[in-house]
Every structure is written in C-alpha cells, then in structure tokens.
Amino acid sequence: MSVTLLSAGSLISTDVKNAEGEDIGTITEIMMDVARGRIAYAVLSFGGFFGLGEKLFAIPWSALTIDTTDEKFLLNLDKEILEKASGFDKDDWPDMSDVQWNYNTYAYYGYEPYWD
C-alpha cells in the first residue's frame, strides 16, 4: 500500500488544466470539512487578467486529480461550464456552511456529496 501526503500549503498556487491541456486557473485555497476530517473544496481562481476580474469557484475536491509528476491539478471540465458556473468575489464569499449551497455546488459539477 502506498501513501502520498502533500501539505495543503504546497497545493496553493498550483495550476489547473483540463483534459485538453487548457489552463483552467490556479488553486487559491483548500477548504477543509473539519467535522468529517475531509477536504471539501479547492477554491479555483479563473478568468481575469493579472488578478483583475478574476472569479473564484468552489470545486468539489473529488473533481480534481493531482498530477505529482508535472505538479498540477487536472480537472475534467470544459471551460464553458466553468464560465457559466456561479463564482464569487475574493471579498464576498458564499456561506459554505449552507447545506443547500453545498448540494447545489456538487450537483452543478456532477458529483455526489461525500457527506451523504
């Protein structure tokens, strides 16, 4: 059995690419479900130019694959889906403790909530 451990800090600022190799964005935060001891989301910064106009998106952790060789995340998602997703501003985060918001976010990306 093999175990791969990475610090959360080493994942921040990691680039994210889709299956076509397109740049999707960068991970800015890792959101932990403290009660269950699991990572719930990676916060993805997408869009904008030199940090201006960027939006943040809560991506279910299960949607991401870590490529430790090339030091990037892989997200099997078309840019169009992300462009239409409900994002948020760095100064106006959603209430991530809102159960309905969590269900809606996981459903939008097509993933089953891990807490069910």
PDB file of N, CA and C in Angstrom:
ATOM      1  N   MET A   1       0.845  -1.177   0.000  1.00  0.00           N
ATOM      2  CA  MET A   1       0.000   0.000   0.000  1.00  0.00           C
ATOM      3  C   MET A   1       0.893   1.244   0.000  1.00  0.00           C
ATOM      4  N   SER A   2       0.567   2.164  -0.851  1.00  0.00           N
ATOM      5  CA  SER A   2       1.333   3.394  -0.968  1.00  0.00           C
ATOM      6  C   SER A   2       0.523   4.565  -0.427  1.00  0.00           C
ATOM      7  N   VAL A   3       1.185   5.472   0.239  1.00  0.00           N
ATOM      8  CA  VAL A   3       0.528   6.656   0.775  1.00  0.00           C
ATOM      9  C   VAL A   3       1.264   7.878   0.232  1.00  0.00           C
ATOM     10  N   THR A   4       0.516   8.800  -0.344  1.00  0.00           N
ATOM     11  CA  THR A   4       1.097  10.046  -0.818  1.00  0.00           C
ATOM     12  C   THR A   4       0.528  11.175   0.013  1.00  0.00           C
ATOM     13  N   LEU A   5       1.380  11.887   0.698  1.00  0.00           N
ATOM     14  CA  LEU A   5       0.964  13.007   1.529  1.00  0.00           C
ATOM     15  C   LEU A   5       1.579  14.290   0.989  1.00  0.00           C
ATOM     16  N   LEU A   6       0.761  15.322   0.897  1.00  0.00           N
ATOM     17  CA  LEU A   6       1.220  16.633   0.472  1.00  0.00           C
ATOM     18  C   LEU A   6       0.688  17.660   1.450  1.00  0.00           C
ATOM     19  N   SER A   7       1.468  18.673   1.721  1.00  0.00           N
ATOM     20  CA  SER A   7       0.974  19.728   2.604  1.00  0.00           C
ATOM     21  C   SER A   7      -0.027  20.585   1.848  1.00  0.00           C
ATOM     22  N   ALA A   8      -1.027  21.090   2.558  1.00  0.00           N
ATOM     23  CA  ALA A   8      -2.016  21.963   1.926  1.00  0.00           C
ATOM     24  C   ALA A   8      -1.327  23.182   1.336  1.00  0.00           C
ATOM     25  N   GLY A   9      -0.322  23.680   2.029  1.00  0.00           N
ATOM     26  CA  GLY A   9       0.402  24.850   1.534  1.00  0.00           C
ATOM     27  C   GLY A   9       1.069  24.616   0.195  1.00  0.00           C
ATOM     28  N   SER A  10       1.518  23.389  -0.046  1.00  0.00           N
ATOM     29  CA  SER A  10       2.182  23.094  -1.318  1.00  0.00           C
ATOM     30  C   SER A  10       1.185  23.026  -2.477  1.00  0.00           C
ATOM     31  N   LEU A  11      -0.101  22.914  -2.171  1.00  0.00           N
ATOM     32  CA  LEU A  11      -1.124  22.837  -3.215  1.00  0.00           C
ATOM     33  C   LEU A  11      -1.634  24.217  -3.638  1.00  0.00           C
ATOM     34  N   ILE A  12      -1.454  25.199  -2.758  1.00  0.00           N
ATOM     35  CA  ILE A  12      -1.868  26.562  -3.068  1.00  0.00           C
ATOM     36  C   ILE A  12      -0.980  27.087  -4.202  1.00  0.00           C
ATOM     37  N   SER A  13      -1.577  27.781  -5.132  1.00  0.00           N
ATOM     38  CA  SER A  13      -0.912  28.353  -6.314  1.00  0.00           C
ATOM     39  C   SER A  13      -0.575  27.308  -7.367  1.00  0.00           C
ATOM     40  N   THR A  14      -1.096  26.103  -7.215  1.00  0.00           N
ATOM     41  CA  THR A  14      -0.882  25.066  -8.221  1.00  0.00           C
ATOM     42  C   THR A  14      -1.811  25.319  -9.402  1.00  0.00           C
ATOM     43  N   ASP A  15      -1.265  25.185 -10.608  1.00  0.00           N
ATOM     44  CA  ASP A  15      -2.052  25.373 -11.826  1.00  0.00           C
ATOM     45  C   ASP A  15      -3.031  24.228 -12.021  1.00  0.00           C
ATOM     46  N   VAL A  16      -4.139  24.537 -12.690  1.00  0.00           N
ATOM     47  CA  VAL A  16      -5.159  23.546 -13.005  1.00  0.00           C
ATOM     48  C   VAL A  16      -5.355  23.538 -14.520  1.00  0.00           C
ATOM     49  N   LYS A  17      -5.360  22.346 -15.085  1.00  0.00           N
ATOM     50  CA  LYS A  17      -5.584  22.184 -16.524  1.00  0.00           C
ATOM     51  C   LYS A  17      -6.721  21.199 -16.731  1.00  0.00           C
ATOM     52  N   ASN A  18      -7.400  21.317 -17.883  1.00  0.00           N
ATOM     53  CA  ASN A  18      -8.451  20.351 -18.197  1.00  0.00           C
ATOM     54  C   ASN A  18      -7.869  19.220 -19.047  1.00  0.00           C
ATOM     55  N   ALA A  19      -8.712  18.288 -19.461  1.00  0.00           N
ATOM     56  CA  ALA A  19      -8.251  17.110 -20.208  1.00  0.00           C
ATOM     57  C   ALA A  19      -7.616  17.487 -21.542  1.00  0.00           C
ATOM     58  N   GLU A  20      -7.991  18.647 -22.090  1.00  0.00           N
ATOM     59  CA  GLU A  20      -7.428  19.107 -23.360  1.00  0.00           C
ATOM     60  C   GLU A  20      -6.101  19.840 -23.156  1.00  0.00           C
ATOM     61  N   GLY A  21      -5.666  19.975 -21.915  1.00  0.00           N
ATOM     62  CA  GLY A  21      -4.424  20.664 -21.617  1.00  0.00           C
ATOM     63  C   GLY A  21      -4.556  22.171 -21.515  1.00  0.00           C
ATOM     64  N   GLU A  22      -5.804  22.672 -21.547  1.00  0.00           N
ATOM     65  CA  GLU A  22      -6.029  24.107 -21.438  1.00  0.00           C
ATOM     66  C   GLU A  22      -5.868  24.550 -19.987  1.00  0.00           C
ATOM     67  N   ASP A  23      -5.323  25.740 -19.799  1.00  0.00           N
ATOM     68  CA  ASP A  23      -5.238  26.310 -18.463  1.00  0.00           C
ATOM     69  C   ASP A  23      -6.638  26.658 -17.982  1.00  0.00           C
ATOM     70  N   ILE A  24      -6.968  26.188 -16.798  1.00  0.00           N
ATOM     71  CA  ILE A  24      -8.279  26.456 -16.210  1.00  0.00           C
ATOM     72  C   ILE A  24      -8.159  27.511 -15.118  1.00  0.00           C
ATOM     73  N   GLY A  25      -7.050  27.555 -14.430  1.00  0.00           N
ATOM     74  CA  GLY A  25      -6.886  28.521 -13.354  1.00  0.00           C
ATOM     75  C   GLY A  25      -5.832  28.061 -12.373  1.00  0.00           C
ATOM     76  N   THR A  26      -5.956  28.579 -11.156  1.00  0.00           N
ATOM     77  CA  THR A  26      -4.997  28.293 -10.094  1.00  0.00           C
ATOM     78  C   THR A  26      -5.739  28.057  -8.785  1.00  0.00           C
ATOM     79  N   ILE A  27      -5.264  27.126  -7.993  1.00  0.00           N
ATOM     80  CA  ILE A  27      -5.849  26.873  -6.681  1.00  0.00           C
ATOM     81  C   ILE A  27      -5.394  27.972  -5.726  1.00  0.00           C
ATOM     82  N   THR A  28      -6.378  28.604  -5.045  1.00  0.00           N
ATOM     83  CA  THR A  28      -6.032  29.673  -4.105  1.00  0.00           C
ATOM     84  C   THR A  28      -6.261  29.276  -2.651  1.00  0.00           C
ATOM     85  N   GLU A  29      -7.140  28.326  -2.416  1.00  0.00           N
ATOM     86  CA  GLU A  29      -7.435  27.867  -1.054  1.00  0.00           C
ATOM     87  C   GLU A  29      -7.856  26.407  -1.084  1.00  0.00           C
ATOM     88  N   ILE A  30      -7.700  25.753   0.037  1.00  0.00           N
ATOM     89  CA  ILE A  30      -8.197  24.395   0.256  1.00  0.00           C
ATOM     90  C   ILE A  30      -9.169  24.491   1.428  1.00  0.00           C
ATOM     91  N   MET A  31     -10.418  24.057   1.224  1.00  0.00           N
ATOM     92  CA  MET A  31     -11.448  24.162   2.258  1.00  0.00           C
ATOM     93  C   MET A  31     -11.665  22.800   2.907  1.00  0.00           C
ATOM     94  N   MET A  32     -11.438  22.758   4.206  1.00  0.00           N
ATOM     95  CA  MET A  32     -11.496  21.519   4.980  1.00  0.00           C
ATOM     96  C   MET A  32     -12.822  21.388   5.711  1.00  0.00           C
ATOM     97  N   ASP A  33     -13.416  20.218   5.654  1.00  0.00           N
ATOM     98  CA  ASP A  33     -14.584  19.892   6.464  1.00  0.00           C
ATOM     99  C   ASP A  33     -14.019  19.330   7.770  1.00  0.00           C
ATOM    100  N   VAL A  34     -13.898  20.179   8.752  1.00  0.00           N
ATOM    101  CA  VAL A  34     -13.225  19.823   9.996  1.00  0.00           C
ATOM    102  C   VAL A  34     -13.952  18.697  10.727  1.00  0.00           C
ATOM    103  N   ALA A  35     -15.269  18.729  10.758  1.00  0.00           N
ATOM    104  CA  ALA A  35     -16.042  17.724  11.482  1.00  0.00           C
ATOM    105  C   ALA A  35     -15.843  16.323  10.906  1.00  0.00           C
ATOM    106  N   ARG A  36     -15.650  16.222   9.593  1.00  0.00           N
ATOM    107  CA  ARG A  36     -15.511  14.911   8.952  1.00  0.00           C
ATOM    108  C   ARG A  36     -14.064  14.577   8.604  1.00  0.00           C
ATOM    109  N   GLY A  37     -13.172  15.530   8.795  1.00  0.00           N
ATOM    110  CA  GLY A  37     -11.765  15.283   8.505  1.00  0.00           C
ATOM    111  C   GLY A  37     -11.490  15.064   7.029  1.00  0.00           C
ATOM    112  N   ARG A  38     -12.186  15.832   6.182  1.00  0.00           N
ATOM    113  CA  ARG A  38     -12.036  15.676   4.734  1.00  0.00           C
ATOM    114  C   ARG A  38     -11.878  17.036   4.064  1.00  0.00           C
ATOM    115  N   ILE A  39     -11.242  17.016   2.916  1.00  0.00           N
ATOM    116  CA  ILE A  39     -11.194  18.228   2.101  1.00  0.00           C
ATOM    117  C   ILE A  39     -12.500  18.287   1.325  1.00  0.00           C
ATOM    118  N   ALA A  40     -13.199  19.402   1.430  1.00  0.00           N
ATOM    119  CA  ALA A  40     -14.479  19.565   0.747  1.00  0.00           C
ATOM    120  C   ALA A  40     -14.303  20.196  -0.630  1.00  0.00           C
ATOM    121  N   TYR A  41     -13.504  21.255  -0.691  1.00  0.00           N
ATOM    122  CA  TYR A  41     -13.357  22.023  -1.920  1.00  0.00           C
ATOM    123  C   TYR A  41     -11.935  22.499  -2.095  1.00  0.00           C
ATOM    124  N   ALA A  42     -11.605  22.729  -3.346  1.00  0.00           N
ATOM    125  CA  ALA A  42     -10.455  23.551  -3.696  1.00  0.00           C
ATOM    126  C   ALA A  42     -11.059  24.821  -4.281  1.00  0.00           C
ATOM    127  N   VAL A  43     -10.557  25.959  -3.891  1.00  0.00           N
ATOM    128  CA  VAL A  43     -11.036  27.218  -4.446  1.00  0.00           C
ATOM    129  C   VAL A  43     -10.145  27.546  -5.633  1.00  0.00           C
ATOM    130  N   LEU A  44     -10.794  27.656  -6.784  1.00  0.00           N
ATOM    131  CA  LEU A  44     -10.117  27.882  -8.052  1.00  0.00           C
ATOM    132  C   LEU A  44     -10.290  29.329  -8.477  1.00  0.00           C
ATOM    133  N   SER A  45      -9.204  29.971  -8.832  1.00  0.00           N
ATOM    134  CA  SER A  45      -9.242  31.318  -9.394  1.00  0.00           C
ATOM    135  C   SER A  45      -9.194  31.163 -10.905  1.00  0.00           C
ATOM    136  N   PHE A  46     -10.175  31.777 -11.593  1.00  0.00           N
ATOM    137  CA  PHE A  46     -10.302  31.606 -13.038  1.00  0.00           C
ATOM    138  C   PHE A  46     -10.704  32.924 -13.676  1.00  0.00           C
ATOM    139  N   GLY A  47     -10.137  33.191 -14.824  1.00  0.00           N
ATOM    140  CA  GLY A  47     -10.514  34.386 -15.581  1.00  0.00           C
ATOM    141  C   GLY A  47      -9.711  35.591 -15.158  1.00  0.00           C
ATOM    142  N   GLY A  48     -10.038  36.680 -15.758  1.00  0.00           N
ATOM    143  CA  GLY A  48      -9.365  37.925 -15.419  1.00  0.00           C
ATOM    144  C   GLY A  48      -8.009  38.042 -16.075  1.00  0.00           C
ATOM    145  N   PHE A  49      -7.335  39.114 -15.757  1.00  0.00           N
ATOM    146  CA  PHE A  49      -6.039  39.409 -16.337  1.00  0.00           C
ATOM    147  C   PHE A  49      -5.168  40.034 -15.257  1.00  0.00           C
ATOM    148  N   PHE A  50      -4.073  39.391 -14.921  1.00  0.00           N
ATOM    149  CA  PHE A  50      -3.179  39.844 -13.858  1.00  0.00           C
ATOM    150  C   PHE A  50      -3.932  40.092 -12.552  1.00  0.00           C
ATOM    151  N   GLY A  51      -4.863  39.190 -12.231  1.00  0.00           N
ATOM    152  CA  GLY A  51      -5.595  39.293 -10.974  1.00  0.00           C
ATOM    153  C   GLY A  51      -6.818  40.186 -11.019  1.00  0.00           C
ATOM    154  N   LEU A  52      -7.018  40.911 -12.107  1.00  0.00           N
ATOM    155  CA  LEU A  52      -8.184  41.789 -12.228  1.00  0.00           C
ATOM    156  C   LEU A  52      -9.316  41.039 -12.917  1.00  0.00           C
ATOM    157  N   GLY A  53     -10.492  41.098 -12.334  1.00  0.00           N
ATOM    158  CA  GLY A  53     -11.651  40.439 -12.925  1.00  0.00           C
ATOM    159  C   GLY A  53     -11.716  38.948 -12.679  1.00  0.00           C
ATOM    160  N   GLU A  54     -10.808  38.425 -11.856  1.00  0.00           N
ATOM    161  CA  GLU A  54     -10.831  37.004 -11.548  1.00  0.00           C
ATOM    162  C   GLU A  54     -12.058  36.672 -10.710  1.00  0.00           C
ATOM    163  N   LYS A  55     -12.578  35.488 -10.925  1.00  0.00           N
ATOM    164  CA  LYS A  55     -13.645  34.974 -10.076  1.00  0.00           C
ATOM    165  C   LYS A  55     -13.109  33.734  -9.393  1.00  0.00           C
ATOM    166  N   LEU A  56     -13.688  33.443  -8.257  1.00  0.00           N
ATOM    167  CA  LEU A  56     -13.330  32.245  -7.510  1.00  0.00           C
ATOM    168  C   LEU A  56     -14.462  31.239  -7.625  1.00  0.00           C
ATOM    169  N   PHE A  57     -14.104  29.969  -7.627  1.00  0.00           N
ATOM    170  CA  PHE A  57     -15.073  28.888  -7.741  1.00  0.00           C
ATOM    171  C   PHE A  57     -14.726  27.791  -6.746  1.00  0.00           C
ATOM    172  N   ALA A  58     -15.725  27.293  -6.044  1.00  0.00           N
ATOM    173  CA  ALA A  58     -15.544  26.160  -5.148  1.00  0.00           C
ATOM    174  C   ALA A  58     -15.704  24.885  -5.980  1.00  0.00           C
ATOM    175  N   ILE A  59     -14.628  24.171  -6.144  1.00  0.00           N
ATOM    176  CA  ILE A  59     -14.628  22.942  -6.944  1.00  0.00           C
ATOM    177  C   ILE A  59     -14.588  21.762  -5.989  1.00  0.00           C
ATOM    178  N   PRO A  60     -15.549  20.833  -6.106  1.00  0.00           N
ATOM    179  CA  PRO A  60     -15.504  19.654  -5.239  1.00  0.00           C
ATOM    180  C   PRO A  60     -14.133  18.966  -5.339  1.00  0.00           C
ATOM    181  N   TRP A  61     -13.575  18.647  -4.204  1.00  0.00           N
ATOM    182  CA  TRP A  61     -12.254  18.024  -4.167  1.00  0.00           C
ATOM    183  C   TRP A  61     -12.214  16.767  -5.026  1.00  0.00           C
ATOM    184  N   SER A  62     -13.298  16.015  -5.035  1.00  0.00           N
ATOM    185  CA  SER A  62     -13.338  14.771  -5.804  1.00  0.00           C
ATOM    186  C   SER A  62     -13.288  15.011  -7.314  1.00  0.00           C
ATOM    187  N   ALA A  63     -13.487  16.240  -7.765  1.00  0.00           N
ATOM    188  CA  ALA A  63     -13.428  16.559  -9.191  1.00  0.00           C
ATOM    189  C   ALA A  63     -11.995  16.740  -9.682  1.00  0.00           C
ATOM    190  N   LEU A  64     -11.064  16.870  -8.752  1.00  0.00           N
ATOM    191  CA  LEU A  64      -9.673  17.144  -9.099  1.00  0.00           C
ATOM    192  C   LEU A  64      -8.802  15.900  -8.973  1.00  0.00           C
ATOM    193  N   THR A  65      -7.831  15.812  -9.850  1.00  0.00           N
ATOM    194  CA  THR A  65      -6.806  14.780  -9.786  1.00  0.00           C
ATOM    195  C   THR A  65      -5.464  15.484  -9.693  1.00  0.00           C
ATOM    196  N   ILE A  66      -4.618  15.018  -8.819  1.00  0.00           N
ATOM    197  CA  ILE A  66      -3.301  15.635  -8.665  1.00  0.00           C
ATOM    198  C   ILE A  66      -2.296  14.892  -9.532  1.00  0.00           C
ATOM    199  N   ASP A  67      -1.593  15.639 -10.360  1.00  0.00           N
ATOM    200  CA  ASP A  67      -0.504  15.113 -11.173  1.00  0.00           C
ATOM    201  C   ASP A  67       0.788  15.518 -10.471  1.00  0.00           C
ATOM    202  N   THR A  68       1.332  14.610  -9.666  1.00  0.00           N
ATOM    203  CA  THR A  68       2.528  14.943  -8.883  1.00  0.00           C
ATOM    204  C   THR A  68       3.782  15.033  -9.757  1.00  0.00           C
ATOM    205  N   THR A  69       3.775  14.391 -10.910  1.00  0.00           N
ATOM    206  CA  THR A  69       4.924  14.447 -11.812  1.00  0.00           C
ATOM    207  C   THR A  69       5.082  15.847 -12.399  1.00  0.00           C
ATOM    208  N   ASP A  70       3.985  16.378 -12.950  1.00  0.00           N
ATOM    209  CA  ASP A  70       4.025  17.708 -13.573  1.00  0.00           C
ATOM    210  C   ASP A  70       3.593  18.815 -12.623  1.00  0.00           C
ATOM    211  N   GLU A  71       3.300  18.451 -11.375  1.00  0.00           N
ATOM    212  CA  GLU A  71       2.914  19.398 -10.331  1.00  0.00           C
ATOM    213  C   GLU A  71       1.769  20.309 -10.766  1.00  0.00           C
ATOM    214  N   LYS A  72       0.645  19.668 -11.093  1.00  0.00           N
ATOM    215  CA  LYS A  72      -0.557  20.405 -11.476  1.00  0.00           C
ATOM    216  C   LYS A  72      -1.773  19.584 -11.089  1.00  0.00           C
ATOM    217  N   PHE A  73      -2.921  20.245 -11.097  1.00  0.00           N
ATOM    218  CA  PHE A  73      -4.185  19.553 -10.923  1.00  0.00           C
ATOM    219  C   PHE A  73      -4.811  19.344 -12.281  1.00  0.00           C
ATOM    220  N   LEU A  74      -5.538  18.263 -12.425  1.00  0.00           N
ATOM    221  CA  LEU A  74      -6.319  18.009 -13.620  1.00  0.00           C
ATOM    222  C   LEU A  74      -7.786  18.084 -13.236  1.00  0.00           C
ATOM    223  N   LEU A  75      -8.548  18.812 -14.029  1.00  0.00           N
ATOM    224  CA  LEU A  75      -9.978  18.976 -13.809  1.00  0.00           C
ATOM    225  C   LEU A  75     -10.669  18.662 -15.119  1.00  0.00           C
ATOM    226  N   ASN A  76     -11.403  17.557 -15.153  1.00  0.00           N
ATOM    227  CA  ASN A  76     -12.075  17.147 -16.369  1.00  0.00           C
ATOM    228  C   ASN A  76     -13.353  17.973 -16.535  1.00  0.00           C
ATOM    229  N   LEU A  77     -13.186  19.176 -17.064  1.00  0.00           N
ATOM    230  CA  LEU A  77     -14.281  20.131 -17.151  1.00  0.00           C
ATOM    231  C   LEU A  77     -14.022  21.085 -18.303  1.00  0.00           C
ATOM    232  N   ASP A  78     -15.029  21.303 -19.125  1.00  0.00           N
ATOM    233  CA  ASP A  78     -14.901  22.293 -20.189  1.00  0.00           C
ATOM    234  C   ASP A  78     -14.883  23.684 -19.589  1.00  0.00           C
ATOM    235  N   LYS A  79     -14.119  24.570 -20.207  1.00  0.00           N
ATOM    236  CA  LYS A  79     -14.064  25.956 -19.741  1.00  0.00           C
ATOM    237  C   LYS A  79     -15.452  26.595 -19.732  1.00  0.00           C
ATOM    238  N   GLU A  80     -16.301  26.211 -20.698  1.00  0.00           N
ATOM    239  CA  GLU A  80     -17.647  26.782 -20.795  1.00  0.00           C
ATOM    240  C   GLU A  80     -18.469  26.519 -19.537  1.00  0.00           C
ATOM    241  N   ILE A  81     -18.328  25.340 -18.971  1.00  0.00           N
ATOM    242  CA  ILE A  81     -19.064  25.002 -17.746  1.00  0.00           C
ATOM    243  C   ILE A  81     -18.595  25.905 -16.615  1.00  0.00           C
ATOM    244  N   LEU A  82     -17.307  26.112 -16.537  1.00  0.00           N
ATOM    245  CA  LEU A  82     -16.761  26.985 -15.501  1.00  0.00           C
ATOM    246  C   LEU A  82     -17.184  28.433 -15.726  1.00  0.00           C
ATOM    247  N   GLU A  83     -17.195  28.866 -16.984  1.00  0.00           N
ATOM    248  CA  GLU A  83     -17.599  30.238 -17.296  1.00  0.00           C
ATOM    249  C   GLU A  83     -19.048  30.507 -16.913  1.00  0.00           C
ATOM    250  N   LYS A  84     -19.888  29.472 -16.952  1.00  0.00           N
ATOM    251  CA  LYS A  84     -21.304  29.617 -16.606  1.00  0.00           C
ATOM    252  C   LYS A  84     -21.582  29.327 -15.131  1.00  0.00           C
ATOM    253  N   ALA A  85     -20.579  28.843 -14.428  1.00  0.00           N
ATOM    254  CA  ALA A  85     -20.750  28.477 -13.016  1.00  0.00           C
ATOM    255  C   ALA A  85     -20.940  29.719 -12.158  1.00  0.00           C
ATOM    256  N   SER A  86     -21.542  29.494 -11.021  1.00  0.00           N
ATOM    257  CA  SER A  86     -21.745  30.564 -10.059  1.00  0.00           C
ATOM    258  C   SER A  86     -20.464  30.741  -9.247  1.00  0.00           C
ATOM    259  N   GLY A  87     -19.731  31.777  -9.560  1.00  0.00           N
ATOM    260  CA  GLY A  87     -18.498  32.053  -8.848  1.00  0.00           C
ATOM    261  C   GLY A  87     -18.724  33.130  -7.796  1.00  0.00           C
ATOM    262  N   PHE A  88     -17.649  33.541  -7.175  1.00  0.00           N
ATOM    263  CA  PHE A  88     -17.756  34.578  -6.155  1.00  0.00           C
ATOM    264  C   PHE A  88     -16.494  35.432  -6.166  1.00  0.00           C
ATOM    265  N   ASP A  89     -16.605  36.568  -5.550  1.00  0.00           N
ATOM    266  CA  ASP A  89     -15.523  37.533  -5.493  1.00  0.00           C
ATOM    267  C   ASP A  89     -14.653  37.257  -4.273  1.00  0.00           C
ATOM    268  N   LYS A  90     -13.387  37.596  -4.335  1.00  0.00           N
ATOM    269  CA  LYS A  90     -12.470  37.336  -3.219  1.00  0.00           C
ATOM    270  C   LYS A  90     -12.885  38.043  -1.939  1.00  0.00           C
ATOM    271  N   ASP A  91     -13.677  39.107  -2.054  1.00  0.00           N
ATOM    272  CA  ASP A  91     -14.139  39.842  -0.879  1.00  0.00           C
ATOM    273  C   ASP A  91     -15.576  39.521  -0.492  1.00  0.00           C
ATOM    274  N   ASP A  92     -16.211  38.577  -1.191  1.00  0.00           N
ATOM    275  CA  ASP A  92     -17.617  38.257  -0.932  1.00  0.00           C
ATOM    276  C   ASP A  92     -17.856  36.761  -1.140  1.00  0.00           C
ATOM    277  N   TRP A  93     -17.393  35.972  -0.188  1.00  0.00           N
ATOM    278  CA  TRP A  93     -17.509  34.515  -0.285  1.00  0.00           C
ATOM    279  C   TRP A  93     -18.922  34.067   0.077  1.00  0.00           C
ATOM    280  N   PRO A  94     -19.363  32.950  -0.504  1.00  0.00           N
ATOM    281  CA  PRO A  94     -20.660  32.393  -0.106  1.00  0.00           C
ATOM    282  C   PRO A  94     -20.572  31.789   1.290  1.00  0.00           C
ATOM    283  N   ASP A  95     -21.723  31.528   1.871  1.00  0.00           N
ATOM    284  CA  ASP A  95     -21.780  30.859   3.172  1.00  0.00           C
ATOM    285  C   ASP A  95     -21.591  29.365   2.927  1.00  0.00           C
ATOM    286  N   MET A  96     -20.382  28.894   3.069  1.00  0.00           N
ATOM    287  CA  MET A  96     -20.076  27.490   2.780  1.00  0.00           C
ATOM    288  C   MET A  96     -20.607  26.537   3.831  1.00  0.00           C
ATOM    289  N   SER A  97     -21.207  27.075   4.897  1.00  0.00           N
ATOM    290  CA  SER A  97     -21.865  26.205   5.870  1.00  0.00           C
ATOM    291  C   SER A  97     -23.328  25.976   5.495  1.00  0.00           C
ATOM    292  N   ASP A  98     -23.810  26.646   4.462  1.00  0.00           N
ATOM    293  CA  ASP A  98     -25.180  26.497   3.984  1.00  0.00           C
ATOM    294  C   ASP A  98     -25.313  25.154   3.252  1.00  0.00           C
ATOM    295  N   VAL A  99     -26.097  24.258   3.808  1.00  0.00           N
ATOM    296  CA  VAL A  99     -26.238  22.904   3.268  1.00  0.00           C
ATOM    297  C   VAL A  99     -26.734  22.933   1.823  1.00  0.00           C
ATOM    298  N   GLN A 100     -27.730  23.766   1.525  1.00  0.00           N
ATOM    299  CA  GLN A 100     -28.268  23.820   0.169  1.00  0.00           C
ATOM    300  C   GLN A 100     -27.221  24.317  -0.823  1.00  0.00           C
ATOM    301  N   TRP A 101     -26.425  25.307  -0.418  1.00  0.00           N
ATOM    302  CA  TRP A 101     -25.352  25.799  -1.289  1.00  0.00           C
ATOM    303  C   TRP A 101     -24.382  24.665  -1.613  1.00  0.00           C
ATOM    304  N   ASN A 102     -24.042  23.855  -0.624  1.00  0.00           N
ATOM    305  CA  ASN A 102     -23.134  22.731  -0.843  1.00  0.00           C
ATOM    306  C   ASN A 102     -23.725  21.702  -1.799  1.00  0.00           C
ATOM    307  N   TYR A 103     -24.994  21.351  -1.600  1.00  0.00           N
ATOM    308  CA  TYR A 103     -25.642  20.402  -2.515  1.00  0.00           C
ATOM    309  C   TYR A 103     -25.675  20.953  -3.936  1.00  0.00           C
ATOM    310  N   ASN A 104     -26.043  22.221  -4.078  1.00  0.00           N
ATOM    311  CA  ASN A 104     -26.121  22.833  -5.407  1.00  0.00           C
ATOM    312  C   ASN A 104     -24.762  22.862  -6.097  1.00  0.00           C
ATOM    313  N   THR A 105     -23.719  23.145  -5.339  1.00  0.00           N
ATOM    314  CA  THR A 105     -22.379  23.212  -5.911  1.00  0.00           C
ATOM    315  C   THR A 105     -21.928  21.845  -6.400  1.00  0.00           C
ATOM    316  N   TYR A 106     -22.091  20.823  -5.585  1.00  0.00           N
ATOM    317  CA  TYR A 106     -21.707  19.474  -6.009  1.00  0.00           C
ATOM    318  C   TYR A 106     -22.540  19.024  -7.204  1.00  0.00           C
ATOM    319  N   ALA A 107     -23.839  19.309  -7.188  1.00  0.00           N
ATOM    320  CA  ALA A 107     -24.720  18.914  -8.297  1.00  0.00           C
ATOM    321  C   ALA A 107     -24.316  19.613  -9.596  1.00  0.00           C
ATOM    322  N   TYR A 108     -23.965  20.879  -9.528  1.00  0.00           N
ATOM    323  CA  TYR A 108     -23.596  21.621 -10.737  1.00  0.00           C
ATOM    324  C   TYR A 108     -22.424  20.949 -11.448  1.00  0.00           C
ATOM    325  N   TYR A 109     -21.463  20.495 -10.680  1.00  0.00           N
ATOM    326  CA  TYR A 109     -20.283  19.873 -11.281  1.00  0.00           C
ATOM    327  C   TYR A 109     -20.459  18.371 -11.506  1.00  0.00           C
ATOM    328  N   GLY A 110     -21.617  17.835 -11.124  1.00  0.00           N
ATOM    329  CA  GLY A 110     -21.919  16.433 -11.399  1.00  0.00           C
ATOM    330  C   GLY A 110     -21.302  15.442 -10.434  1.00  0.00           C
ATOM    331  N   TYR A 111     -21.114  15.850  -9.186  1.00  0.00           N
ATOM    332  CA  TYR A 111     -20.519  14.967  -8.182  1.00  0.00           C
ATOM    333  C   TYR A 111     -21.483  14.743  -7.032  1.00  0.00           C
ATOM    334  N   GLU A 112     -21.421  13.548  -6.483  1.00  0.00           N
ATOM    335  CA  GLU A 112     -22.231  13.209  -5.316  1.00  0.00           C
ATOM    336  C   GLU A 112     -21.563  13.783  -4.072  1.00  0.00           C
ATOM    337  N   PRO A 113     -22.330  14.417  -3.203  1.00  0.00           N
ATOM    338  CA  PRO A 113     -21.738  14.922  -1.964  1.00  0.00           C
ATOM    339  C   PRO A 113     -21.177  13.779  -1.115  1.00  0.00           C
ATOM    340  N   TYR A 114     -20.005  13.950  -0.620  1.00  0.00           N
ATOM    341  CA  TYR A 114     -19.353  12.904   0.176  1.00  0.00           C
ATOM    342  C   TYR A 114     -20.019  12.706   1.532  1.00  0.00           C
ATOM    343  N   TRP A 115     -20.788  13.691   1.989  1.00  0.00           N
ATOM    344  CA  TRP A 115     -21.371  13.630   3.328  1.00  0.00           C
ATOM    345  C   TRP A 115     -22.689  12.857   3.369  1.00  0.00           C
ATOM    346  N   ASP A 116     -23.234  12.469   2.218  1.00  0.00           N
ATOM    347  CA  ASP A 116     -24.482  11.690   2.203  1.00  0.00           C
ATOM    348  C   ASP A 116     -24.211  10.224   2.459  1.00  0.00           C
TER     349      ASP A 116
END
